[in-house]
Amino acid sequence: MFAYLRKSALSSSKPSVKRSARPLLENLEERLLLYSTYGPPPNTWAYGSRITYSFMPDGTSVGGTPSALFQTMNAKFSTATWELQFQKAAAVWEAVANINLAQVSDDGSPESCNGDQQDDPRFGDIRIGAVNLGTGVLGETFLPPPFNGGTAAGDMFLNSNPVATWNINSAYDLETVAIHEFGHALGLGESQITTACMYAYYNGTKQSLTSDDIAGIQSVWGAPQYDQFNSNGQSNGTFTKATNLNSYIDSNGQIAVPSLRITSPTQVEWFSVTVPASTTGTMVVTDQSTNLSMLSPTLWLYKAGSGLPAALGSVISTAYGATVSYSLSGVQAGQTYLIRTFGTAAGDPTGGFGLEVNFGSVSQPPIAPPYTVVAQQPDQGRGSQDASVGLLQIGNLWGRGDVLAGMLPNIGPGVVEAPVNPLQLSVQTSDQFSDTDGLAALVASANSSQSQLSGGGVSLTVTGSQTTTSLDSGSTPSILQAVDYLIGNWNDQDGLSSFTG
């Protein structure tokens, strides 16, 4: 299934849809939790300790359609500038959930090729591309596992159509859309809160999560957890409680401590180490979040003494998912040093990291990421509780979908979400229906027409002065696609009258 973000104002003749069930009191809206989810693990990624993402090179086949992400974005921004919007979006979710997101490379393998569902070495778990999605949507995202069981799970696509005027900090804001699509890829559906990042329609710049967004993602992944040195009654938040790393020194005179985490923007971790007899006279301390999370690391080194520690130097990175190292020469066996680590506020102040110390002459490899390999699995539906299961398309590629939170998954250009059973959508219009997709039976030059969309198998009834037609979509993609196009391109000058349920 695709989850997608609609543009609320690409056409001035198509107003935003309003539900009568939505709260009307502005001051109470944020107190209501109206998020929707696809369910906690295993109903999404099996491993939240590291979920990777990557940018598809241009020309990557997406169902026979070449991705044009770099061409589209580089027309307005430098690569580093537009990629930063996705990095910031990933960091927004990482900050409030028990997950780590990491950017990796992408070799341009075709979308939905055979391979591992998670941690495929060729590309990220979540791949980001851009294709022409028509004039009704800004982005679409394949649902995460188990709905899509292969390499397409969680992949997101922005609209490369020129009508999608991509901007930064103004419509259509790239970070806003990236936050929304990452939310889908991580297991969230649409929210009914209009101010939420997961609201179905683009209605303004949103670069921070609402309480509804946070409650939704934490219902899937839980809140961020502290690492082993800051849980179960332990804390290394001050230099007097620094974690002693001497027991971690190996035969090469090296220390490697994985699976650490800065959980809050104000958290600091302290470590102490005494120089071993095998030292070469140089100590190299490395704080690594590269390939582990979005954390922007800051590292300080101190000389321990009888009083306050004496600062020797620091190294700071504002990059998302970076590695910093500090090298100190002239160290002697028996000397004790203190290491202070935290996140950089100007970048991403939270996330997972690993710490390394090298007193030896052997080069120290980076800390390996946690094991997160999941083999390709069959696509799965959501079970009998769902009203229908559909398929969604880019090029000749179809992805798994379902009805979620009263929303109908739609296909193709002009995507508009409409409620299904138990809600009904009643529309009055005097406009003509167009037959762009070849549904001759639905052509109606009607002075007074009425359409009704109902749940179950999902049927559309169109009544006009010349034609009355009823279609049961079932699971036939061509019918769903045609119906979607019809509704999406209905020029409703009279306005959508109401939702009734």
Protein backbone atom coordinates (compact mmCIF):
# COMPACT_ATOMS: atom_id res chain seq x y z
CA MET A 1 0.00 0.00 0.00
CA PHE A 2 1.01 3.53 -0.58
CA ALA A 3 0.40 6.10 2.05
CA TYR A 4 0.53 9.52 0.52
CA LEU A 5 0.34 13.22 1.18
CA ARG A 6 -2.11 15.20 -0.85
CA LYS A 7 -1.67 18.78 -1.97
CA SER A 8 -4.57 20.80 -0.64
CA ALA A 9 -4.24 23.65 -3.10
CA LEU A 10 -2.72 22.52 -6.38
CA SER A 11 -6.05 23.39 -7.95
CA SER A 12 -7.98 26.34 -6.60
CA SER A 13 -11.19 24.60 -7.65
CA LYS A 14 -10.65 21.62 -5.35
CA PRO A 15 -11.15 22.63 -1.70
CA SER A 16 -9.82 20.67 1.25
CA VAL A 17 -12.19 17.98 2.47
CA LYS A 18 -13.60 18.50 5.96
CA ARG A 19 -15.11 15.80 8.13
CA SER A 20 -18.06 16.55 10.34
CA ALA A 21 -16.51 14.11 12.84
CA ARG A 22 -13.44 16.29 13.28
CA PRO A 23 -13.40 18.42 16.47
CA LEU A 24 -14.38 22.02 15.88
CA LEU A 25 -12.91 23.46 19.08
CA GLU A 26 -9.44 24.67 18.23
CA ASN A 27 -8.17 24.67 21.81
CA LEU A 28 -9.17 21.04 22.32
CA GLU A 29 -7.89 19.63 19.06
CA GLU A 30 -4.37 18.84 20.24
CA ARG A 31 -5.69 17.00 23.30
CA LEU A 32 -7.32 14.37 21.11
CA LEU A 33 -5.22 11.42 19.94
CA LEU A 34 -6.49 10.78 16.45
CA TYR A 35 -3.40 9.17 14.97
CA SER A 36 -3.52 5.81 13.23
CA THR A 37 -0.83 3.14 12.98
CA TYR A 38 -0.10 -0.07 11.16
CA GLY A 39 0.74 -1.72 14.49
CA PRO A 40 3.88 -2.27 16.59
CA PRO A 41 6.56 -4.83 15.60
CA PRO A 42 6.24 -7.36 14.04
CA ASN A 43 3.70 -5.27 12.12
CA THR A 44 6.48 -3.01 10.89
CA TRP A 45 10.30 -3.25 10.79
CA ALA A 46 11.63 -6.12 12.88
CA TYR A 47 14.57 -4.09 14.20
CA GLY A 48 14.25 -0.51 15.35
CA SER A 49 17.86 -0.40 16.56
CA ARG A 50 18.87 0.61 13.03
CA ILE A 51 16.53 1.45 10.16
CA THR A 52 18.44 2.72 7.15
CA TYR A 53 17.45 5.02 4.30
CA SER A 54 19.10 5.93 1.01
CA PHE A 55 18.63 8.20 -2.00
CA MET A 56 18.00 6.45 -5.33
CA PRO A 57 20.42 7.54 -8.07
CA ASP A 58 18.69 9.06 -11.07
CA GLY A 59 17.70 6.42 -13.58
CA THR A 60 16.85 3.83 -10.93
CA SER A 61 13.96 1.84 -12.36
CA VAL A 62 10.72 2.30 -10.44
CA GLY A 63 8.35 -0.07 -12.18
CA GLY A 64 9.91 0.87 -15.51
CA THR A 65 9.88 4.59 -14.70
CA PRO A 66 13.30 6.14 -14.03
CA SER A 67 13.66 7.97 -10.73
CA ALA A 68 14.54 11.65 -11.12
CA LEU A 69 15.19 12.67 -7.52
CA PHE A 70 18.55 14.39 -8.05
CA GLN A 71 17.45 16.07 -11.28
CA THR A 72 14.31 17.39 -9.62
CA MET A 73 15.95 18.66 -6.44
CA ASN A 74 19.25 19.84 -7.89
CA ALA A 75 17.30 22.13 -10.19
CA LYS A 76 16.63 24.32 -7.15
CA PHE A 77 19.07 23.33 -4.39
CA SER A 78 22.52 21.92 -3.87
CA THR A 79 22.56 18.19 -3.13
CA ALA A 80 23.73 18.80 0.43
CA THR A 81 20.91 21.30 1.01
CA TRP A 82 18.00 19.11 -0.07
CA GLU A 83 19.46 15.95 1.48
CA LEU A 84 19.68 17.88 4.75
CA GLN A 85 15.88 18.24 4.76
CA PHE A 86 15.53 14.46 4.81
CA GLN A 87 18.22 14.14 7.48
CA LYS A 88 16.36 16.63 9.66
CA ALA A 89 13.09 14.78 9.03
CA ALA A 90 14.63 11.47 10.08
CA ALA A 91 16.08 13.08 13.20
CA VAL A 92 12.65 14.44 14.18
CA TRP A 93 11.27 10.90 14.51
CA GLU A 94 14.45 9.43 16.02
CA ALA A 95 14.30 12.00 18.82
CA VAL A 96 10.94 10.78 20.15
CA ALA A 97 10.92 7.03 19.45
CA ASN A 98 13.04 4.03 20.40
CA ILE A 99 14.62 3.82 16.96
CA ASN A 100 17.80 4.81 15.17
CA LEU A 101 17.79 5.96 11.55
CA ALA A 102 20.96 5.89 9.48
CA GLN A 103 21.73 7.13 5.98
CA VAL A 104 23.51 4.64 3.71
CA SER A 105 24.49 4.49 0.04
CA ASP A 106 22.28 3.27 -2.81
CA ASP A 107 23.62 1.36 -5.82
CA GLY A 108 20.63 2.06 -8.07
CA SER A 109 19.23 -1.47 -8.12
CA PRO A 110 15.66 -1.57 -9.51
CA GLU A 111 12.88 -0.76 -7.06
CA SER A 112 11.28 -3.90 -5.59
CA CYS A 113 14.11 -6.17 -6.75
CA ASN A 114 14.68 -9.43 -4.89
CA GLY A 115 16.67 -9.05 -1.70
CA ASP A 116 16.53 -8.63 2.04
CA GLN A 117 13.55 -6.86 3.53
CA GLN A 118 15.79 -5.10 6.04
CA ASP A 119 19.52 -4.33 5.90
CA ASP A 120 20.04 -5.23 2.25
CA PRO A 121 23.67 -4.23 1.56
CA ARG A 122 22.82 -2.50 -1.73
CA PHE A 123 20.53 0.24 -0.43
CA GLY A 124 18.55 1.50 2.55
CA ASP A 125 15.56 -0.16 4.12
CA ILE A 126 13.69 3.00 3.11
CA ARG A 127 14.64 4.16 -0.36
CA ILE A 128 13.82 7.69 -1.52
CA GLY A 129 13.12 8.51 -5.15
CA ALA A 130 11.10 10.87 -7.32
CA VAL A 131 8.73 10.10 -10.20
CA ASN A 132 5.87 11.91 -11.88
CA LEU A 133 2.85 11.35 -9.63
CA GLY A 134 0.50 13.60 -11.58
CA THR A 135 -1.09 16.74 -10.17
CA GLY A 136 -2.79 15.56 -7.00
CA VAL A 137 -0.10 14.32 -4.62
CA LEU A 138 3.22 15.42 -3.21
CA GLY A 139 4.51 12.02 -2.14
CA GLU A 140 3.64 8.34 -1.85
CA THR A 141 5.11 5.67 0.39
CA PHE A 142 4.92 1.89 0.28
CA LEU A 143 3.79 0.54 3.62
CA PRO A 144 6.46 -1.03 5.83
CA PRO A 145 6.58 -4.77 6.54
CA PRO A 146 4.70 -7.02 6.63
CA PHE A 147 2.28 -5.39 4.15
CA ASN A 148 5.12 -5.22 1.63
CA GLY A 149 7.43 -8.08 2.46
CA GLY A 150 10.27 -7.36 0.05
CA THR A 151 12.74 -4.60 -0.66
CA ALA A 152 10.01 -2.10 -1.64
CA ALA A 153 8.71 -1.93 1.94
CA GLY A 154 8.82 1.62 3.30
CA ASP A 155 10.12 3.18 0.09
CA MET A 156 8.97 6.74 -0.56
CA PHE A 157 8.57 8.77 -3.73
CA LEU A 158 8.24 12.50 -4.20
CA ASN A 159 6.44 14.04 -7.13
CA SER A 160 8.78 15.14 -9.92
CA ASN A 161 5.92 16.82 -11.78
CA PRO A 162 6.67 20.56 -12.17
CA VAL A 163 3.35 21.36 -10.49
CA ALA A 164 4.96 20.25 -7.22
CA THR A 165 6.96 23.41 -6.56
CA TRP A 166 9.47 22.22 -3.99
CA ASN A 167 10.81 24.79 -1.54
CA ILE A 168 12.47 25.03 1.85
CA ASN A 169 10.51 26.74 4.63
CA SER A 170 7.67 27.63 2.26
CA ALA A 171 5.14 25.71 0.19
CA TYR A 172 5.75 23.01 -0.73
CA ASP A 173 8.24 22.59 2.09
CA LEU A 174 10.50 19.60 1.51
CA GLU A 175 11.14 18.85 5.17
CA THR A 176 7.41 18.90 5.94
CA VAL A 177 6.69 16.30 3.27
CA ALA A 178 9.74 14.23 4.26
CA ILE A 179 8.56 14.11 7.89
CA HIS A 180 5.11 12.95 6.74
CA GLU A 181 6.45 10.24 4.44
CA PHE A 182 9.00 9.01 7.00
CA GLY A 183 6.08 8.68 9.41
CA HIS A 184 4.35 6.31 7.00
CA ALA A 185 7.54 4.35 6.40
CA LEU A 186 7.97 3.90 10.16
CA GLY A 187 4.46 2.58 10.73
CA LEU A 188 2.10 5.55 11.05
CA GLY A 189 -1.10 6.13 9.13
CA GLU A 190 -2.91 9.42 8.69
CA SER A 191 -4.01 11.61 11.60
CA GLN A 192 -7.31 13.44 11.83
CA ILE A 193 -5.62 16.32 13.68
CA THR A 194 -5.22 19.12 11.13
CA THR A 195 -2.06 20.48 12.77
CA ALA A 196 -0.35 17.07 12.95
CA CYS A 197 2.53 16.25 10.62
CA MET A 198 0.64 13.07 9.76
CA TYR A 199 -2.49 14.91 8.66
CA ALA A 200 -3.42 13.64 5.20
CA TYR A 201 -3.29 16.99 3.41
CA TYR A 202 -0.51 19.51 3.04
CA ASN A 203 -1.81 22.61 4.82
CA GLY A 204 1.34 24.48 5.76
CA THR A 205 4.94 24.11 6.89
CA LYS A 206 5.29 21.62 9.77
CA GLN A 207 8.82 20.89 10.95
CA SER A 208 8.11 19.70 14.49
CA LEU A 209 5.86 16.95 15.76
CA THR A 210 2.60 17.48 17.61
CA SER A 211 1.56 15.47 20.67
CA ASP A 212 -0.60 13.37 18.35
CA ASP A 213 2.38 12.50 16.11
CA ILE A 214 4.52 11.65 19.14
CA ALA A 215 1.81 9.52 20.72
CA GLY A 216 1.39 7.69 17.42
CA ILE A 217 5.05 6.85 16.85
CA GLN A 218 5.53 5.86 20.50
CA SER A 219 2.53 3.54 20.30
CA VAL A 220 4.50 1.71 17.60
CA TRP A 221 8.08 1.91 18.88
CA GLY A 222 7.88 3.14 22.45
CA ALA A 223 9.71 6.15 23.87
CA PRO A 224 13.50 6.49 23.47
CA GLN A 225 15.40 4.25 25.90
CA TYR A 226 18.61 5.00 27.78
CA ASP A 227 21.69 2.86 27.25
CA GLN A 228 23.20 0.34 29.67
CA PHE A 229 25.09 3.01 31.62
CA ASN A 230 22.01 5.12 32.26
CA SER A 231 19.35 2.58 33.18
CA ASN A 232 18.62 0.15 36.01
CA GLY A 233 19.68 2.74 38.58
CA GLN A 234 22.95 3.63 36.84
CA SER A 235 24.04 7.03 35.57
CA ASN A 236 27.24 8.47 34.13
CA GLY A 237 25.95 12.00 33.72
CA THR A 238 28.69 13.64 35.79
CA PHE A 239 32.47 13.24 35.87
CA THR A 240 32.26 11.83 39.40
CA LYS A 241 30.12 8.99 38.02
CA ALA A 242 32.14 8.38 34.86
CA THR A 243 31.96 4.84 33.52
CA ASN A 244 35.35 3.11 33.89
CA LEU A 245 36.40 1.60 30.55
CA ASN A 246 39.56 -0.19 31.69
CA SER A 247 37.91 -3.62 31.50
CA TYR A 248 37.15 -3.02 27.81
CA ILE A 249 40.83 -2.72 26.77
CA ASP A 250 41.75 -5.63 24.48
CA SER A 251 45.07 -7.18 23.48
CA ASN A 252 45.59 -4.51 20.81
CA GLY A 253 45.27 -1.74 23.37
CA GLN A 254 41.86 -0.78 21.99
CA ILE A 255 38.38 -0.15 23.39
CA ALA A 256 35.13 -0.45 21.44
CA VAL A 257 31.79 0.17 23.18
CA PRO A 258 28.73 -0.15 20.89
CA SER A 259 25.02 0.48 21.51
CA LEU A 260 25.34 3.78 23.39
CA ARG A 261 22.68 6.46 23.15
CA ILE A 262 22.14 10.12 23.87
CA THR A 263 18.44 10.00 24.68
CA SER A 264 17.63 13.62 25.48
CA PRO A 265 19.12 16.87 24.14
CA THR A 266 20.52 17.76 27.58
CA GLN A 267 22.07 14.37 28.34
CA VAL A 268 25.84 14.03 28.82
CA GLU A 269 27.84 10.80 29.22
CA TRP A 270 31.20 10.61 31.01
CA PHE A 271 33.79 7.84 30.71
CA SER A 272 37.18 7.32 32.32
CA VAL A 273 40.16 5.29 31.13
CA THR A 274 43.66 4.67 32.45
CA VAL A 275 46.46 4.38 29.91
CA PRO A 276 47.71 0.75 29.72
CA ALA A 277 51.34 -0.31 29.81
CA SER A 278 51.11 -1.30 26.12
CA THR A 279 50.54 2.29 24.99
CA THR A 280 52.40 3.70 21.99
CA GLY A 281 52.27 7.15 23.56
CA THR A 282 49.23 8.24 21.59
CA MET A 283 45.55 8.01 22.51
CA VAL A 284 42.86 8.38 19.85
CA VAL A 285 39.25 8.75 21.05
CA THR A 286 36.44 8.35 18.50
CA ASP A 287 32.75 9.14 18.88
CA GLN A 288 30.88 7.44 16.01
CA SER A 289 27.28 7.80 14.89
CA THR A 290 28.04 7.27 11.19
CA ASN A 291 26.08 4.25 9.95
CA LEU A 292 24.43 4.00 13.39
CA SER A 293 22.06 6.97 13.81
CA MET A 294 21.46 10.64 12.98
CA LEU A 295 23.30 11.92 16.09
CA SER A 296 25.62 14.91 15.62
CA PRO A 297 28.40 14.07 18.09
CA THR A 298 30.40 16.31 20.40
CA LEU A 299 33.50 14.92 22.15
CA TRP A 300 35.59 16.46 24.95
CA LEU A 301 38.79 15.07 26.50
CA TYR A 302 39.97 15.91 30.04
CA LYS A 303 42.95 15.09 32.24
CA ALA A 304 41.77 13.62 35.54
CA GLY A 305 43.16 14.98 38.77
CA SER A 306 42.39 15.46 42.45
CA GLY A 307 39.98 18.31 41.72
CA LEU A 308 38.02 19.38 38.69
CA PRO A 309 39.17 17.71 35.46
CA ALA A 310 41.29 19.86 33.16
CA ALA A 311 39.92 20.24 29.64
CA LEU A 312 42.41 19.27 26.94
CA GLY A 313 40.33 19.85 23.83
CA SER A 314 37.17 19.04 21.94
CA VAL A 315 35.82 18.19 18.52
CA ILE A 316 32.28 19.02 17.44
CA SER A 317 30.20 18.05 14.41
CA THR A 318 26.90 19.54 13.27
CA ALA A 319 26.52 16.89 10.55
CA TYR A 320 23.74 14.33 10.89
CA GLY A 321 25.20 10.89 11.46
CA ALA A 322 28.88 11.81 11.79
CA THR A 323 32.13 10.60 13.36
CA VAL A 324 34.57 12.76 15.34
CA SER A 325 38.01 11.83 16.70
CA TYR A 326 40.44 13.48 19.07
CA SER A 327 44.12 12.46 19.12
CA LEU A 328 46.40 13.14 22.07
CA SER A 329 50.12 12.41 21.99
CA GLY A 330 52.52 12.07 24.90
CA VAL A 331 50.26 9.92 27.04
CA GLN A 332 51.95 7.68 29.60
CA ALA A 333 50.97 4.41 31.23
CA GLY A 334 49.03 4.95 34.44
CA GLN A 335 47.60 8.34 33.49
CA THR A 336 43.80 8.67 33.72
CA TYR A 337 41.69 10.60 31.27
CA LEU A 338 38.02 11.53 31.16
CA ILE A 339 35.86 11.48 28.04
CA ARG A 340 32.67 13.53 27.78
CA THR A 341 30.15 12.90 25.00
CA PHE A 342 26.84 14.50 24.05
CA GLY A 343 24.85 15.63 21.02
CA THR A 344 25.33 18.88 19.13
CA ALA A 345 22.30 21.15 19.41
CA ALA A 346 23.02 22.75 16.04
CA GLY A 347 22.59 19.33 14.40
CA ASP A 348 20.85 16.30 15.85
CA PRO A 349 21.37 16.21 19.64
CA THR A 350 20.02 12.68 20.16
CA GLY A 351 20.64 9.19 18.81
CA GLY A 352 22.77 6.10 19.04
CA PHE A 353 26.56 6.07 18.91
CA GLY A 354 29.63 4.00 19.63
CA LEU A 355 32.79 4.97 21.50
CA GLU A 356 36.33 3.84 20.63
CA VAL A 357 39.71 4.43 22.28
CA ASN A 358 42.98 3.32 20.69
CA PHE A 359 46.27 3.21 22.58
CA GLY A 360 47.86 0.72 20.17
CA SER A 361 49.60 0.77 16.81
CA VAL A 362 46.95 -1.23 14.95
CA SER A 363 44.36 0.72 12.98
CA GLN A 364 40.94 0.45 14.62
CA PRO A 365 37.94 -0.33 12.37
CA PRO A 366 34.64 1.52 12.85
CA ILE A 367 32.03 0.03 15.16
CA ALA A 368 29.84 -2.32 13.16
CA PRO A 369 26.10 -1.65 13.13
CA PRO A 370 23.79 -4.01 15.02
CA TYR A 371 22.51 -7.10 13.22
CA THR A 372 19.21 -6.20 11.54
CA VAL A 373 19.04 -8.55 8.54
CA VAL A 374 15.53 -9.76 7.66
CA ALA A 375 15.07 -11.90 4.57
CA GLN A 376 12.39 -11.13 2.00
CA GLN A 377 8.94 -12.25 3.14
CA PRO A 378 5.59 -12.69 1.39
CA ASP A 379 3.37 -9.61 1.32
CA GLN A 380 0.70 -9.77 4.00
CA GLY A 381 -2.73 -8.19 4.41
CA ARG A 382 -3.95 -6.84 7.70
CA GLY A 383 -6.54 -9.48 8.45
CA SER A 384 -10.29 -9.79 8.60
CA GLN A 385 -10.76 -6.60 10.59
CA ASP A 386 -10.05 -4.53 7.49
CA ALA A 387 -12.77 -3.66 5.05
CA SER A 388 -10.68 -4.07 1.93
CA VAL A 389 -7.21 -4.61 0.60
CA GLY A 390 -6.02 -2.84 -2.52
CA LEU A 391 -3.00 -2.40 -4.74
CA LEU A 392 -1.26 0.85 -5.61
CA GLN A 393 0.87 1.58 -8.65
CA ILE A 394 3.93 3.48 -9.88
CA GLY A 395 4.79 2.62 -13.46
CA ASN A 396 4.18 -1.11 -13.74
CA LEU A 397 5.01 -1.68 -10.08
CA TRP A 398 2.20 -2.57 -7.68
CA GLY A 399 2.47 -2.33 -3.90
CA ARG A 400 0.38 -3.73 -1.08
CA GLY A 401 -2.35 -1.59 0.45
CA ASP A 402 -5.33 -1.67 2.77
CA VAL A 403 -8.11 0.47 4.20
CA LEU A 404 -6.83 2.26 7.27
CA ALA A 405 -8.50 4.62 9.74
CA GLY A 406 -11.55 5.12 7.55
CA MET A 407 -9.52 6.05 4.52
CA LEU A 408 -9.66 4.56 1.06
CA PRO A 409 -6.26 3.90 -0.54
CA ASN A 410 -6.30 5.38 -4.03
CA ILE A 411 -4.14 4.96 -7.09
CA GLY A 412 -2.55 7.13 -9.70
CA PRO A 413 -2.85 10.82 -10.56
CA GLY A 414 -5.30 13.09 -8.83
CA VAL A 415 -5.23 11.10 -5.61
CA VAL A 416 -7.92 12.10 -3.15
CA GLU A 417 -8.63 10.18 0.02
CA ALA A 418 -12.29 9.49 0.77
CA PRO A 419 -13.85 7.86 3.80
CA VAL A 420 -15.37 4.41 3.61
CA ASN A 421 -17.79 2.43 5.76
CA PRO A 422 -19.06 3.38 8.30
CA LEU A 423 -18.74 6.88 6.82
CA GLN A 424 -20.31 7.86 3.53
CA LEU A 425 -19.30 10.69 1.24
CA SER A 426 -22.15 12.57 -0.39
CA VAL A 427 -21.26 15.04 -3.12
CA GLN A 428 -23.47 17.40 -5.10
CA THR A 429 -22.12 19.01 -8.25
CA SER A 430 -23.28 20.30 -11.59
CA ASP A 431 -19.93 19.73 -13.23
CA GLN A 432 -19.22 17.24 -15.96
CA PHE A 433 -17.44 13.94 -15.46
CA SER A 434 -14.42 13.34 -17.68
CA ASP A 435 -13.59 10.00 -19.23
CA THR A 436 -9.80 10.29 -19.34
CA ASP A 437 -9.28 6.70 -18.23
CA GLY A 438 -11.77 5.29 -20.71
CA LEU A 439 -14.75 4.55 -18.50
CA ALA A 440 -17.36 5.34 -21.10
CA ALA A 441 -20.15 4.21 -18.81
CA LEU A 442 -19.27 6.95 -16.34
CA VAL A 443 -19.43 9.81 -18.80
CA ALA A 444 -22.31 12.01 -17.71
CA SER A 445 -23.06 15.48 -18.94
CA ALA A 446 -25.24 15.97 -15.92
CA ASN A 447 -26.99 19.07 -14.71
CA SER A 448 -27.52 17.39 -11.35
CA SER A 449 -25.32 14.45 -10.38
CA GLN A 450 -24.75 12.54 -7.19
CA SER A 451 -22.01 10.08 -6.26
CA GLN A 452 -21.82 7.86 -3.24
CA LEU A 453 -18.79 5.92 -2.07
CA SER A 454 -19.39 3.17 0.45
CA GLY A 455 -17.31 0.54 2.22
CA GLY A 456 -17.12 -3.23 2.04
CA GLY A 457 -16.07 -4.13 -1.49
CA VAL A 458 -16.02 -0.38 -2.22
CA SER A 459 -18.61 0.63 -4.79
CA LEU A 460 -19.14 3.89 -6.64
CA THR A 461 -22.58 4.97 -7.79
CA VAL A 462 -22.94 7.87 -10.19
CA THR A 463 -26.41 9.20 -10.96
CA GLY A 464 -26.89 11.78 -13.70
CA SER A 465 -29.48 12.94 -16.14
CA GLN A 466 -28.08 10.67 -18.81
CA THR A 467 -26.27 7.82 -17.07
CA THR A 468 -26.58 5.73 -13.92
CA THR A 469 -23.69 3.32 -13.31
CA SER A 470 -22.60 1.24 -10.33
CA LEU A 471 -19.16 -0.36 -10.17
CA ASP A 472 -17.86 -2.78 -7.55
CA SER A 473 -14.10 -2.33 -7.43
CA GLY A 474 -13.36 -5.55 -5.59
CA SER A 475 -9.62 -6.01 -5.90
CA THR A 476 -9.38 -5.06 -9.59
CA PRO A 477 -6.63 -2.41 -9.89
CA SER A 478 -7.90 -1.03 -13.21
CA ILE A 479 -11.31 -0.20 -11.74
CA LEU A 480 -9.83 1.34 -8.59
CA GLN A 481 -7.47 3.38 -10.70
CA ALA A 482 -10.22 4.65 -12.97
CA VAL A 483 -12.52 5.48 -10.07
CA ASP A 484 -9.72 7.33 -8.35
CA TYR A 485 -8.96 9.34 -11.45
CA LEU A 486 -12.60 10.20 -11.86
CA ILE A 487 -12.94 11.50 -8.30
CA GLY A 488 -9.54 13.17 -8.28
CA ASN A 489 -10.28 15.14 -11.43
CA TRP A 490 -13.87 16.03 -10.57
CA ASN A 491 -13.94 19.80 -10.83
CA ASP A 492 -16.18 20.45 -7.82
CA GLN A 493 -16.96 24.13 -8.17
CA ASP A 494 -19.97 23.78 -5.91
CA GLY A 495 -17.91 22.35 -3.04
CA LEU A 496 -18.03 19.05 -1.25
CA SER A 497 -21.23 19.24 0.71
CA SER A 498 -20.77 16.99 3.71
CA PHE A 499 -19.72 13.75 5.28
CA THR A 500 -22.49 11.75 6.88
CA GLY A 501 -22.18 8.59 8.88
